[in-house]
Amino acid sequence: MSHIIITVQGVDKVGIIASVTALLAQYEVNIEDVKQTLMQGHFVMFMLGNIEKSKYSFKEIKKVLIERGRELDMEIWVQRKEIFDNMHKLGNRDSLKG
């Protein structure tokens, strides 16, 4: 219940990673894994964060990350990992039927 998935996407610019990771540090989110790519000027980053030791709630962390996305003119999505995993299990099961 303590893991979250953070997805950041938009047009590449200087400071995206610094801005998002500084906010995560401020809200006591431990970054456990990061994947990022840049495709023809389009930046995408996936992060696995652990909020177990944070004094902030999932809802508070999600709210500030979405606000940071607006400030950066980026889209940021935040999901609990178990919900993210379950969505992908359903998607994979449905694709096997088709």
N, C-alpha and C. Protein backbone atom coordinates (compact mmCIF):
# COMPACT_ATOMS: atom_id res chain seq x y z
N MET A 1 0.81 -1.20 0.00
CA MET A 1 0.00 0.00 0.00
C MET A 1 0.85 1.27 0.00
N SER A 2 2.14 1.14 0.12
CA SER A 2 2.98 2.32 0.26
C SER A 2 3.69 2.72 -1.04
N HIS A 3 3.49 1.97 -2.13
CA HIS A 3 4.16 2.30 -3.38
C HIS A 3 3.23 3.06 -4.32
N ILE A 4 3.80 4.04 -5.00
CA ILE A 4 3.05 4.81 -5.99
C ILE A 4 3.82 4.84 -7.31
N ILE A 5 3.07 4.97 -8.39
CA ILE A 5 3.63 5.12 -9.72
C ILE A 5 3.37 6.56 -10.16
N ILE A 6 4.41 7.24 -10.58
CA ILE A 6 4.32 8.63 -11.04
C ILE A 6 4.72 8.63 -12.51
N THR A 7 3.86 9.17 -13.35
CA THR A 7 4.14 9.28 -14.78
C THR A 7 4.18 10.76 -15.14
N VAL A 8 5.25 11.16 -15.82
CA VAL A 8 5.42 12.55 -16.24
C VAL A 8 5.61 12.54 -17.75
N GLN A 9 4.86 13.38 -18.46
CA GLN A 9 5.03 13.42 -19.91
C GLN A 9 4.72 14.80 -20.46
N GLY A 10 5.43 15.14 -21.53
CA GLY A 10 5.22 16.43 -22.19
C GLY A 10 6.42 16.78 -23.03
N VAL A 11 6.42 18.00 -23.54
CA VAL A 11 7.53 18.48 -24.36
C VAL A 11 8.75 18.66 -23.47
N ASP A 12 9.91 18.17 -23.94
CA ASP A 12 11.13 18.22 -23.16
C ASP A 12 11.58 19.66 -22.92
N LYS A 13 12.10 19.90 -21.73
CA LYS A 13 12.67 21.20 -21.37
C LYS A 13 13.62 21.00 -20.20
N VAL A 14 14.44 21.96 -19.95
CA VAL A 14 15.39 21.90 -18.84
C VAL A 14 14.65 21.95 -17.51
N GLY A 15 15.06 21.09 -16.57
CA GLY A 15 14.58 21.19 -15.20
C GLY A 15 13.43 20.29 -14.80
N ILE A 16 12.93 19.46 -15.71
CA ILE A 16 11.78 18.61 -15.37
C ILE A 16 12.13 17.67 -14.22
N ILE A 17 13.19 16.90 -14.40
CA ILE A 17 13.56 15.91 -13.40
C ILE A 17 13.89 16.59 -12.07
N ALA A 18 14.64 17.67 -12.12
CA ALA A 18 15.02 18.38 -10.90
C ALA A 18 13.79 18.88 -10.15
N SER A 19 12.84 19.42 -10.86
CA SER A 19 11.65 19.97 -10.23
C SER A 19 10.80 18.88 -9.59
N VAL A 20 10.59 17.79 -10.30
CA VAL A 20 9.75 16.71 -9.78
C VAL A 20 10.43 15.99 -8.61
N THR A 21 11.71 15.69 -8.75
CA THR A 21 12.40 14.97 -7.68
C THR A 21 12.59 15.83 -6.43
N ALA A 22 12.78 17.13 -6.59
CA ALA A 22 12.88 18.02 -5.43
C ALA A 22 11.57 18.03 -4.65
N LEU A 23 10.46 18.04 -5.36
CA LEU A 23 9.16 18.01 -4.71
C LEU A 23 8.95 16.68 -3.98
N LEU A 24 9.36 15.59 -4.61
CA LEU A 24 9.23 14.29 -3.96
C LEU A 24 10.07 14.24 -2.68
N ALA A 25 11.27 14.78 -2.73
CA ALA A 25 12.12 14.82 -1.53
C ALA A 25 11.46 15.66 -0.43
N GLN A 26 10.90 16.79 -0.82
CA GLN A 26 10.23 17.67 0.14
C GLN A 26 9.07 16.95 0.83
N TYR A 27 8.37 16.09 0.09
CA TYR A 27 7.23 15.35 0.63
C TYR A 27 7.62 13.96 1.14
N GLU A 28 8.92 13.74 1.30
CA GLU A 28 9.46 12.53 1.91
C GLU A 28 9.08 11.25 1.17
N VAL A 29 9.09 11.33 -0.16
CA VAL A 29 8.83 10.17 -1.00
C VAL A 29 10.17 9.61 -1.45
N ASN A 30 10.41 8.33 -1.16
CA ASN A 30 11.64 7.68 -1.57
C ASN A 30 11.48 7.16 -3.00
N ILE A 31 12.35 7.58 -3.89
CA ILE A 31 12.32 7.13 -5.28
C ILE A 31 13.08 5.80 -5.35
N GLU A 32 12.38 4.74 -5.72
CA GLU A 32 12.99 3.41 -5.76
C GLU A 32 13.40 2.99 -7.17
N ASP A 33 12.77 3.56 -8.18
CA ASP A 33 13.13 3.21 -9.55
C ASP A 33 12.68 4.34 -10.48
N VAL A 34 13.45 4.55 -11.54
CA VAL A 34 13.13 5.59 -12.53
C VAL A 34 13.43 5.06 -13.92
N LYS A 35 12.53 5.29 -14.83
CA LYS A 35 12.74 5.02 -16.25
C LYS A 35 12.33 6.29 -17.00
N GLN A 36 13.15 6.70 -17.93
CA GLN A 36 12.78 7.88 -18.72
C GLN A 36 13.25 7.70 -20.15
N THR A 37 12.59 8.42 -21.03
CA THR A 37 12.98 8.39 -22.42
C THR A 37 12.64 9.73 -23.06
N LEU A 38 13.30 10.00 -24.14
CA LEU A 38 13.05 11.20 -24.93
C LEU A 38 12.88 10.76 -26.36
N MET A 39 11.71 11.02 -26.93
CA MET A 39 11.42 10.62 -28.30
C MET A 39 10.98 11.84 -29.09
N GLN A 40 11.84 12.27 -30.01
CA GLN A 40 11.55 13.40 -30.88
C GLN A 40 11.04 14.61 -30.10
N GLY A 41 11.75 14.93 -29.02
CA GLY A 41 11.41 16.11 -28.22
C GLY A 41 10.33 15.88 -27.19
N HIS A 42 9.81 14.65 -27.09
CA HIS A 42 8.74 14.34 -26.14
C HIS A 42 9.34 13.56 -24.98
N PHE A 43 9.23 14.09 -23.77
CA PHE A 43 9.81 13.51 -22.56
C PHE A 43 8.78 12.64 -21.85
N VAL A 44 9.19 11.43 -21.45
CA VAL A 44 8.32 10.55 -20.66
C VAL A 44 9.17 9.96 -19.53
N MET A 45 8.64 9.99 -18.31
CA MET A 45 9.34 9.42 -17.16
C MET A 45 8.34 8.66 -16.29
N PHE A 46 8.76 7.46 -15.87
CA PHE A 46 8.00 6.65 -14.92
C PHE A 46 8.85 6.52 -13.67
N MET A 47 8.23 6.72 -12.52
CA MET A 47 8.94 6.59 -11.26
C MET A 47 8.14 5.70 -10.32
N LEU A 48 8.88 4.88 -9.57
CA LEU A 48 8.28 4.10 -8.49
C LEU A 48 8.70 4.77 -7.19
N GLY A 49 7.73 5.23 -6.44
CA GLY A 49 8.01 5.90 -5.18
C GLY A 49 7.44 5.14 -4.01
N ASN A 50 8.07 5.32 -2.86
CA ASN A 50 7.59 4.70 -1.64
C ASN A 50 7.21 5.81 -0.66
N ILE A 51 5.95 5.82 -0.24
CA ILE A 51 5.45 6.88 0.66
C ILE A 51 5.29 6.39 2.10
N GLU A 52 5.82 5.20 2.38
CA GLU A 52 5.66 4.59 3.70
C GLU A 52 6.14 5.49 4.84
N LYS A 53 7.26 6.17 4.66
CA LYS A 53 7.83 7.00 5.72
C LYS A 53 7.45 8.48 5.62
N SER A 54 6.62 8.81 4.66
CA SER A 54 6.18 10.20 4.50
C SER A 54 5.11 10.53 5.52
N LYS A 55 5.15 11.75 6.03
CA LYS A 55 4.09 12.19 6.94
C LYS A 55 2.89 12.73 6.16
N TYR A 56 3.00 12.74 4.83
CA TYR A 56 1.93 13.25 3.97
C TYR A 56 1.11 12.09 3.42
N SER A 57 -0.16 12.35 3.17
CA SER A 57 -1.04 11.31 2.64
C SER A 57 -0.84 11.18 1.12
N PHE A 58 -1.30 10.05 0.59
CA PHE A 58 -1.28 9.84 -0.85
C PHE A 58 -2.00 10.99 -1.56
N LYS A 59 -3.13 11.37 -1.04
CA LYS A 59 -3.95 12.43 -1.65
C LYS A 59 -3.18 13.76 -1.70
N GLU A 60 -2.48 14.11 -0.61
CA GLU A 60 -1.70 15.35 -0.58
C GLU A 60 -0.55 15.31 -1.59
N ILE A 61 0.13 14.17 -1.65
CA ILE A 61 1.26 14.03 -2.57
C ILE A 61 0.77 14.10 -4.02
N LYS A 62 -0.32 13.42 -4.30
CA LYS A 62 -0.89 13.44 -5.66
C LYS A 62 -1.26 14.87 -6.06
N LYS A 63 -1.89 15.60 -5.15
CA LYS A 63 -2.32 16.97 -5.44
C LYS A 63 -1.14 17.87 -5.79
N VAL A 64 -0.06 17.82 -4.99
CA VAL A 64 1.07 18.71 -5.26
C VAL A 64 1.81 18.31 -6.54
N LEU A 65 1.85 17.02 -6.85
CA LEU A 65 2.49 16.59 -8.09
C LEU A 65 1.70 17.04 -9.32
N ILE A 66 0.40 16.95 -9.25
CA ILE A 66 -0.43 17.42 -10.37
C ILE A 66 -0.26 18.93 -10.54
N GLU A 67 -0.21 19.67 -9.43
CA GLU A 67 0.02 21.12 -9.50
C GLU A 67 1.39 21.42 -10.12
N ARG A 68 2.42 20.65 -9.74
CA ARG A 68 3.75 20.84 -10.30
C ARG A 68 3.73 20.59 -11.82
N GLY A 69 2.97 19.60 -12.23
CA GLY A 69 2.81 19.34 -13.66
C GLY A 69 2.25 20.54 -14.39
N ARG A 70 1.25 21.16 -13.83
CA ARG A 70 0.67 22.37 -14.45
C ARG A 70 1.71 23.49 -14.54
N GLU A 71 2.49 23.66 -13.48
CA GLU A 71 3.53 24.69 -13.47
C GLU A 71 4.57 24.44 -14.57
N LEU A 72 4.87 23.17 -14.81
CA LEU A 72 5.87 22.80 -15.82
C LEU A 72 5.28 22.66 -17.22
N ASP A 73 3.96 22.81 -17.34
CA ASP A 73 3.25 22.56 -18.59
C ASP A 73 3.46 21.12 -19.05
N MET A 74 3.39 20.21 -18.07
CA MET A 74 3.54 18.77 -18.28
C MET A 74 2.32 18.08 -17.70
N GLU A 75 2.09 16.84 -18.12
CA GLU A 75 1.04 16.04 -17.50
C GLU A 75 1.70 15.10 -16.50
N ILE A 76 1.18 15.08 -15.28
CA ILE A 76 1.68 14.16 -14.26
C ILE A 76 0.49 13.37 -13.72
N TRP A 77 0.65 12.04 -13.74
CA TRP A 77 -0.34 11.14 -13.18
C TRP A 77 0.28 10.43 -11.99
N VAL A 78 -0.52 10.21 -10.97
CA VAL A 78 -0.04 9.52 -9.76
C VAL A 78 -1.08 8.44 -9.42
N GLN A 79 -0.60 7.21 -9.28
CA GLN A 79 -1.48 6.09 -8.96
C GLN A 79 -0.85 5.24 -7.87
N ARG A 80 -1.69 4.61 -7.09
CA ARG A 80 -1.19 3.60 -6.16
C ARG A 80 -0.72 2.42 -7.00
N LYS A 81 0.39 1.82 -6.65
CA LYS A 81 0.98 0.75 -7.45
C LYS A 81 0.03 -0.43 -7.60
N GLU A 82 -0.67 -0.80 -6.55
CA GLU A 82 -1.56 -1.97 -6.66
C GLU A 82 -2.68 -1.73 -7.66
N ILE A 83 -3.17 -0.51 -7.76
CA ILE A 83 -4.20 -0.19 -8.76
C ILE A 83 -3.59 -0.23 -10.15
N PHE A 84 -2.40 0.33 -10.31
CA PHE A 84 -1.68 0.31 -11.58
C PHE A 84 -1.47 -1.15 -12.03
N ASP A 85 -1.01 -2.00 -11.12
CA ASP A 85 -0.76 -3.42 -11.44
C ASP A 85 -2.05 -4.12 -11.85
N ASN A 86 -3.12 -3.88 -11.11
CA ASN A 86 -4.40 -4.53 -11.42
C ASN A 86 -4.95 -4.09 -12.77
N MET A 87 -4.79 -2.83 -13.11
CA MET A 87 -5.25 -2.34 -14.42
C MET A 87 -4.51 -3.06 -15.54
N HIS A 88 -3.21 -3.26 -15.37
CA HIS A 88 -2.42 -3.91 -16.40
C HIS A 88 -2.72 -5.41 -16.48
N LYS A 89 -3.05 -6.04 -15.37
CA LYS A 89 -3.45 -7.45 -15.40
C LYS A 89 -4.74 -7.61 -16.19
N LEU A 90 -5.70 -6.72 -15.94
CA LEU A 90 -6.96 -6.78 -16.68
C LEU A 90 -6.73 -6.54 -18.17
N GLY A 91 -5.90 -5.57 -18.49
CA GLY A 91 -5.61 -5.26 -19.89
C GLY A 91 -4.94 -6.43 -20.59
N ASN A 92 -4.01 -7.08 -19.92
CA ASN A 92 -3.34 -8.23 -20.51
C ASN A 92 -4.29 -9.40 -20.69
N ARG A 93 -5.16 -9.62 -19.74
CA ARG A 93 -6.13 -10.72 -19.84
C ARG A 93 -7.08 -10.47 -21.00
N ASP A 94 -7.56 -9.22 -21.16
CA ASP A 94 -8.46 -8.90 -22.25
C ASP A 94 -7.78 -9.03 -23.60
N SER A 95 -6.51 -8.68 -23.70
CA SER A 95 -5.80 -8.77 -24.98
C SER A 95 -5.58 -10.23 -25.38
N LEU A 96 -5.50 -11.13 -24.42
CA LEU A 96 -5.33 -12.55 -24.74
C LEU A 96 -6.61 -13.15 -25.31
N LYS A 97 -7.75 -12.59 -24.94
CA LYS A 97 -9.05 -13.08 -25.45
C LYS A 97 -9.25 -12.71 -26.90
N GLY A 98 -8.76 -11.51 -27.29
CA GLY A 98 -9.05 -10.96 -28.61
C GLY A 98 -8.23 -11.57 -29.66
